[in-house]
Amino acid sequence: MRKVLAVDDDNDILDIIKIILEDEGYEVATLSNGRNIIDCLSNIRPDLILLDVMLSGMDGREICRAIKANAAFKLIPVIMISASHNLQNYNILPGPPNGFIPKPFDINNLVHVVNGHFAA
């Protein structure tokens, strides 16, 4: 079973993502903040990360940079989620995110994007 880690400071959004993706057959772990995410990645070992750009007091882009700079986790796809639609073309170096989902997100688009990363 594929494992997805969803990181968002809005628990309602985490609940929705969890319900939708579990219905699609994924195992879903959630985090309500980005603190200690590297330690969490070691424990959870996700196959894909859904990461909000604006977390309470933290920048999801910085978290994405940290993940992509870490040799143990740099190959895990990171999909950024944000209400700021202009972030779609935001280039994050080293290692840009592997995709973008705008908020409010369409359920079908969320499923399509996640499934697309496992289709290959």
N, C-alpha and C. Protein backbone atom coordinates (compact mmCIF):
# COMPACT_ATOMS: atom_id res chain seq x y z
N MET A 1 0.85 -1.19 0.00
CA MET A 1 0.00 0.00 0.00
C MET A 1 0.89 1.25 0.00
N ARG A 2 0.60 2.17 -0.89
CA ARG A 2 1.35 3.41 -1.00
C ARG A 2 1.00 4.32 0.18
N LYS A 3 2.03 5.01 0.70
CA LYS A 3 1.84 5.86 1.86
C LYS A 3 2.04 7.32 1.48
N VAL A 4 1.08 8.17 1.86
CA VAL A 4 1.12 9.60 1.60
C VAL A 4 1.18 10.33 2.94
N LEU A 5 2.07 11.32 3.01
CA LEU A 5 2.14 12.20 4.17
C LEU A 5 1.57 13.55 3.77
N ALA A 6 0.52 14.00 4.47
CA ALA A 6 -0.08 15.32 4.22
C ALA A 6 0.30 16.24 5.36
N VAL A 7 0.84 17.42 5.02
CA VAL A 7 1.27 18.40 6.01
C VAL A 7 0.52 19.70 5.76
N ASP A 8 -0.33 20.09 6.71
CA ASP A 8 -1.12 21.31 6.61
C ASP A 8 -1.49 21.74 8.02
N ASP A 9 -1.56 23.05 8.27
CA ASP A 9 -1.93 23.51 9.61
C ASP A 9 -3.44 23.61 9.79
N ASP A 10 -4.20 23.26 8.77
CA ASP A 10 -5.66 23.24 8.85
C ASP A 10 -6.12 21.78 9.00
N ASN A 11 -6.58 21.43 10.19
CA ASN A 11 -6.97 20.04 10.46
C ASN A 11 -8.15 19.59 9.61
N ASP A 12 -9.03 20.52 9.23
CA ASP A 12 -10.16 20.15 8.36
C ASP A 12 -9.65 19.70 6.99
N ILE A 13 -8.65 20.40 6.47
CA ILE A 13 -8.08 20.01 5.18
C ILE A 13 -7.38 18.66 5.31
N LEU A 14 -6.65 18.46 6.39
CA LEU A 14 -6.00 17.17 6.61
C LEU A 14 -7.02 16.04 6.65
N ASP A 15 -8.14 16.28 7.34
CA ASP A 15 -9.20 15.26 7.42
C ASP A 15 -9.76 14.94 6.04
N ILE A 16 -9.99 15.97 5.23
CA ILE A 16 -10.54 15.77 3.88
C ILE A 16 -9.56 14.98 3.03
N ILE A 17 -8.28 15.39 3.05
CA ILE A 17 -7.26 14.68 2.27
C ILE A 17 -7.19 13.22 2.70
N LYS A 18 -7.21 12.99 4.00
CA LYS A 18 -7.11 11.62 4.53
C LYS A 18 -8.28 10.78 4.05
N ILE A 19 -9.49 11.30 4.15
CA ILE A 19 -10.69 10.55 3.73
C ILE A 19 -10.64 10.24 2.24
N ILE A 20 -10.32 11.27 1.44
CA ILE A 20 -10.30 11.10 -0.02
C ILE A 20 -9.27 10.05 -0.44
N LEU A 21 -8.04 10.20 0.08
CA LEU A 21 -6.98 9.30 -0.37
C LEU A 21 -7.10 7.90 0.21
N GLU A 22 -7.64 7.77 1.42
CA GLU A 22 -7.88 6.43 1.96
C GLU A 22 -8.94 5.71 1.14
N ASP A 23 -9.93 6.46 0.65
CA ASP A 23 -10.94 5.86 -0.23
C ASP A 23 -10.32 5.38 -1.54
N GLU A 24 -9.20 5.98 -1.93
CA GLU A 24 -8.48 5.59 -3.14
C GLU A 24 -7.49 4.44 -2.87
N GLY A 25 -7.41 4.01 -1.61
CA GLY A 25 -6.54 2.89 -1.28
C GLY A 25 -5.17 3.25 -0.74
N TYR A 26 -4.95 4.53 -0.43
CA TYR A 26 -3.67 4.95 0.12
C TYR A 26 -3.69 4.89 1.64
N GLU A 27 -2.53 4.68 2.22
CA GLU A 27 -2.34 4.86 3.66
C GLU A 27 -1.93 6.32 3.83
N VAL A 28 -2.60 7.04 4.71
CA VAL A 28 -2.35 8.48 4.84
C VAL A 28 -1.95 8.82 6.28
N ALA A 29 -0.79 9.47 6.41
CA ALA A 29 -0.35 10.01 7.69
C ALA A 29 -0.46 11.53 7.57
N THR A 30 -0.74 12.20 8.69
CA THR A 30 -0.89 13.65 8.65
C THR A 30 -0.01 14.32 9.71
N LEU A 31 0.42 15.53 9.39
CA LEU A 31 1.14 16.39 10.32
C LEU A 31 0.50 17.77 10.25
N SER A 32 0.30 18.41 11.40
CA SER A 32 -0.31 19.74 11.40
C SER A 32 0.73 20.86 11.43
N ASN A 33 2.02 20.51 11.38
CA ASN A 33 3.08 21.51 11.28
C ASN A 33 4.31 20.86 10.66
N GLY A 34 5.27 21.69 10.29
CA GLY A 34 6.46 21.17 9.63
C GLY A 34 7.65 20.96 10.56
N ARG A 35 7.45 21.20 11.84
CA ARG A 35 8.55 21.02 12.78
C ARG A 35 8.97 19.56 12.82
N ASN A 36 10.27 19.35 12.86
CA ASN A 36 10.83 18.00 12.95
C ASN A 36 10.37 17.09 11.82
N ILE A 37 10.10 17.66 10.65
CA ILE A 37 9.59 16.83 9.56
C ILE A 37 10.60 15.77 9.13
N ILE A 38 11.88 16.08 9.19
CA ILE A 38 12.89 15.10 8.77
C ILE A 38 12.83 13.88 9.69
N ASP A 39 12.68 14.10 11.00
CA ASP A 39 12.53 12.97 11.92
C ASP A 39 11.25 12.18 11.61
N CYS A 40 10.18 12.90 11.31
CA CYS A 40 8.91 12.24 10.97
C CYS A 40 9.05 11.41 9.70
N LEU A 41 9.79 11.93 8.72
CA LEU A 41 9.97 11.18 7.48
C LEU A 41 10.69 9.87 7.73
N SER A 42 11.62 9.88 8.66
CA SER A 42 12.34 8.64 9.02
C SER A 42 11.40 7.60 9.59
N ASN A 43 10.43 8.06 10.37
CA ASN A 43 9.47 7.13 11.00
C ASN A 43 8.35 6.72 10.06
N ILE A 44 7.82 7.67 9.30
CA ILE A 44 6.66 7.40 8.46
C ILE A 44 7.03 6.74 7.14
N ARG A 45 8.15 7.15 6.55
CA ARG A 45 8.62 6.63 5.26
C ARG A 45 7.55 6.73 4.17
N PRO A 46 7.08 7.96 3.88
CA PRO A 46 6.04 8.12 2.86
C PRO A 46 6.58 7.91 1.45
N ASP A 47 5.67 7.58 0.54
CA ASP A 47 6.00 7.46 -0.87
C ASP A 47 5.76 8.77 -1.60
N LEU A 48 5.00 9.69 -0.96
CA LEU A 48 4.68 10.98 -1.53
C LEU A 48 4.32 11.93 -0.39
N ILE A 49 4.65 13.22 -0.56
CA ILE A 49 4.34 14.23 0.46
C ILE A 49 3.46 15.31 -0.16
N LEU A 50 2.35 15.62 0.49
CA LEU A 50 1.51 16.77 0.14
C LEU A 50 1.82 17.83 1.18
N LEU A 51 2.35 18.98 0.75
CA LEU A 51 2.89 19.97 1.67
C LEU A 51 2.30 21.34 1.41
N ASP A 52 1.64 21.90 2.42
CA ASP A 52 1.08 23.24 2.31
C ASP A 52 2.22 24.25 2.27
N VAL A 53 2.05 25.31 1.49
CA VAL A 53 3.08 26.33 1.40
C VAL A 53 3.10 27.18 2.66
N MET A 54 1.93 27.59 3.13
CA MET A 54 1.87 28.48 4.29
C MET A 54 1.45 27.70 5.54
N LEU A 55 2.43 27.36 6.34
CA LEU A 55 2.18 26.68 7.61
C LEU A 55 2.36 27.68 8.74
N SER A 56 1.73 27.47 9.87
CA SER A 56 1.84 28.39 11.00
C SER A 56 3.30 28.67 11.34
N GLY A 57 3.73 29.89 11.04
CA GLY A 57 5.09 30.29 11.39
C GLY A 57 6.18 29.63 10.57
N MET A 58 5.83 28.87 9.55
CA MET A 58 6.83 28.18 8.73
C MET A 58 6.48 28.34 7.26
N ASP A 59 7.49 28.21 6.43
CA ASP A 59 7.32 28.31 4.99
C ASP A 59 7.51 26.92 4.39
N GLY A 60 6.46 26.39 3.77
CA GLY A 60 6.53 25.07 3.18
C GLY A 60 7.60 24.95 2.11
N ARG A 61 7.93 26.08 1.46
CA ARG A 61 8.99 26.06 0.45
C ARG A 61 10.34 25.75 1.09
N GLU A 62 10.56 26.28 2.29
CA GLU A 62 11.80 25.99 3.01
C GLU A 62 11.84 24.51 3.44
N ILE A 63 10.69 23.99 3.83
CA ILE A 63 10.61 22.58 4.21
C ILE A 63 10.89 21.71 2.98
N CYS A 64 10.34 22.10 1.83
CA CYS A 64 10.60 21.37 0.59
C CYS A 64 12.10 21.38 0.28
N ARG A 65 12.74 22.54 0.43
CA ARG A 65 14.18 22.63 0.20
C ARG A 65 14.94 21.66 1.09
N ALA A 66 14.54 21.62 2.38
CA ALA A 66 15.23 20.74 3.34
C ALA A 66 15.06 19.27 2.95
N ILE A 67 13.87 18.90 2.51
CA ILE A 67 13.61 17.52 2.09
C ILE A 67 14.46 17.18 0.87
N LYS A 68 14.45 18.08 -0.13
CA LYS A 68 15.16 17.82 -1.37
C LYS A 68 16.69 17.85 -1.18
N ALA A 69 17.15 18.54 -0.14
CA ALA A 69 18.59 18.60 0.13
C ALA A 69 19.08 17.41 0.97
N ASN A 70 18.14 16.62 1.47
CA ASN A 70 18.49 15.48 2.33
C ASN A 70 18.62 14.23 1.46
N ALA A 71 19.79 13.64 1.45
CA ALA A 71 20.06 12.48 0.59
C ALA A 71 19.08 11.33 0.82
N ALA A 72 18.63 11.16 2.05
CA ALA A 72 17.74 10.04 2.36
C ALA A 72 16.32 10.25 1.83
N PHE A 73 15.93 11.50 1.59
CA PHE A 73 14.53 11.78 1.25
C PHE A 73 14.34 12.53 -0.06
N LYS A 74 15.42 12.91 -0.74
CA LYS A 74 15.31 13.79 -1.91
C LYS A 74 14.52 13.19 -3.07
N LEU A 75 14.38 11.88 -3.11
CA LEU A 75 13.63 11.25 -4.21
C LEU A 75 12.14 11.11 -3.92
N ILE A 76 11.70 11.46 -2.70
CA ILE A 76 10.27 11.41 -2.39
C ILE A 76 9.59 12.59 -3.10
N PRO A 77 8.58 12.33 -3.94
CA PRO A 77 7.89 13.43 -4.60
C PRO A 77 7.20 14.33 -3.57
N VAL A 78 7.34 15.64 -3.77
CA VAL A 78 6.68 16.63 -2.91
C VAL A 78 5.73 17.44 -3.78
N ILE A 79 4.46 17.42 -3.41
CA ILE A 79 3.43 18.20 -4.09
C ILE A 79 3.05 19.35 -3.17
N MET A 80 3.29 20.58 -3.63
CA MET A 80 2.94 21.75 -2.84
C MET A 80 1.46 22.06 -3.02
N ILE A 81 0.83 22.51 -1.93
CA ILE A 81 -0.57 22.91 -1.95
C ILE A 81 -0.64 24.35 -1.45
N SER A 82 -1.34 25.22 -2.19
CA SER A 82 -1.39 26.61 -1.76
C SER A 82 -2.59 27.34 -2.35
N ALA A 83 -3.08 28.30 -1.58
CA ALA A 83 -4.13 29.19 -2.07
C ALA A 83 -3.54 30.28 -2.96
N SER A 84 -2.23 30.43 -2.95
CA SER A 84 -1.55 31.42 -3.81
C SER A 84 -1.28 30.79 -5.17
N HIS A 85 -2.18 30.99 -6.09
CA HIS A 85 -2.08 30.34 -7.39
C HIS A 85 -0.84 30.74 -8.16
N ASN A 86 -0.26 31.91 -7.83
CA ASN A 86 0.93 32.35 -8.55
C ASN A 86 2.17 31.54 -8.16
N LEU A 87 2.06 30.67 -7.20
CA LEU A 87 3.19 29.83 -6.80
C LEU A 87 3.37 28.64 -7.73
N GLN A 88 2.45 28.45 -8.64
CA GLN A 88 2.50 27.30 -9.53
C GLN A 88 3.83 27.21 -10.29
N ASN A 89 4.39 28.36 -10.65
CA ASN A 89 5.64 28.36 -11.40
C ASN A 89 6.84 28.71 -10.52
N TYR A 90 6.64 28.70 -9.22
CA TYR A 90 7.71 29.06 -8.30
C TYR A 90 8.80 28.00 -8.33
N ASN A 91 10.01 28.42 -8.65
CA ASN A 91 11.13 27.48 -8.74
C ASN A 91 11.86 27.45 -7.42
N ILE A 92 11.98 26.30 -6.84
CA ILE A 92 12.64 26.14 -5.56
C ILE A 92 13.91 25.36 -5.80
N LEU A 93 15.03 25.95 -5.49
CA LEU A 93 16.31 25.27 -5.65
C LEU A 93 16.96 25.11 -4.30
N PRO A 94 17.63 24.03 -4.00
CA PRO A 94 17.77 22.86 -4.85
C PRO A 94 16.51 22.01 -4.83
N GLY A 95 16.24 21.41 -5.92
CA GLY A 95 15.12 20.48 -6.00
C GLY A 95 13.78 21.13 -5.89
N PRO A 96 13.18 21.55 -7.00
CA PRO A 96 11.83 22.11 -6.95
C PRO A 96 10.82 21.03 -6.57
N PRO A 97 9.63 21.44 -6.14
CA PRO A 97 8.60 20.44 -5.85
C PRO A 97 8.23 19.68 -7.12
N ASN A 98 7.61 18.55 -6.96
CA ASN A 98 7.26 17.70 -8.09
C ASN A 98 5.88 18.01 -8.66
N GLY A 99 5.18 18.96 -8.04
CA GLY A 99 3.86 19.31 -8.52
C GLY A 99 3.23 20.38 -7.64
N PHE A 100 2.06 20.82 -8.05
CA PHE A 100 1.35 21.89 -7.35
C PHE A 100 -0.15 21.65 -7.45
N ILE A 101 -0.83 21.83 -6.33
CA ILE A 101 -2.29 21.74 -6.30
C ILE A 101 -2.80 23.04 -5.67
N PRO A 102 -3.62 23.82 -6.41
CA PRO A 102 -4.15 25.06 -5.84
C PRO A 102 -5.28 24.78 -4.84
N LYS A 103 -5.38 25.64 -3.82
CA LYS A 103 -6.51 25.61 -2.88
C LYS A 103 -7.48 26.69 -3.31
N PRO A 104 -8.77 26.51 -3.12
CA PRO A 104 -9.36 25.24 -2.67
C PRO A 104 -9.19 24.20 -3.77
N PHE A 105 -8.85 22.99 -3.35
CA PHE A 105 -8.55 21.97 -4.36
C PHE A 105 -9.79 21.20 -4.76
N ASP A 106 -9.78 20.81 -6.01
CA ASP A 106 -10.82 19.97 -6.56
C ASP A 106 -10.47 18.52 -6.19
N ILE A 107 -11.42 17.79 -5.65
CA ILE A 107 -11.17 16.41 -5.21
C ILE A 107 -10.63 15.56 -6.36
N ASN A 108 -11.23 15.68 -7.53
CA ASN A 108 -10.78 14.88 -8.67
C ASN A 108 -9.35 15.23 -9.07
N ASN A 109 -9.00 16.52 -8.98
CA ASN A 109 -7.64 16.94 -9.31
C ASN A 109 -6.64 16.38 -8.30
N LEU A 110 -7.00 16.42 -7.02
CA LEU A 110 -6.14 15.87 -5.98
C LEU A 110 -5.85 14.40 -6.26
N VAL A 111 -6.89 13.63 -6.52
CA VAL A 111 -6.74 12.20 -6.80
C VAL A 111 -5.91 12.00 -8.07
N HIS A 112 -6.19 12.79 -9.10
CA HIS A 112 -5.47 12.67 -10.36
C HIS A 112 -3.97 12.94 -10.18
N VAL A 113 -3.63 13.99 -9.45
CA VAL A 113 -2.23 14.34 -9.23
C VAL A 113 -1.51 13.25 -8.42
N VAL A 114 -2.13 12.80 -7.35
CA VAL A 114 -1.52 11.77 -6.51
C VAL A 114 -1.37 10.47 -7.31
N ASN A 115 -2.45 10.03 -7.96
CA ASN A 115 -2.38 8.80 -8.76
C ASN A 115 -1.32 8.90 -9.85
N GLY A 116 -1.18 10.09 -10.42
CA GLY A 116 -0.21 10.30 -11.49
C GLY A 116 1.22 10.04 -11.08
N HIS A 117 1.52 10.25 -9.83
CA HIS A 117 2.89 10.00 -9.34
C HIS A 117 3.18 8.52 -9.13
N PHE A 118 2.14 7.72 -9.09
CA PHE A 118 2.34 6.29 -8.90
C PHE A 118 2.04 5.48 -10.16
N ALA A 119 1.66 6.16 -11.23
CA ALA A 119 1.26 5.47 -12.46
C ALA A 119 2.45 4.91 -13.23
N ALA A 120 3.60 5.51 -13.08
CA ALA A 120 4.77 5.10 -13.88
C ALA A 120 5.31 3.75 -13.45
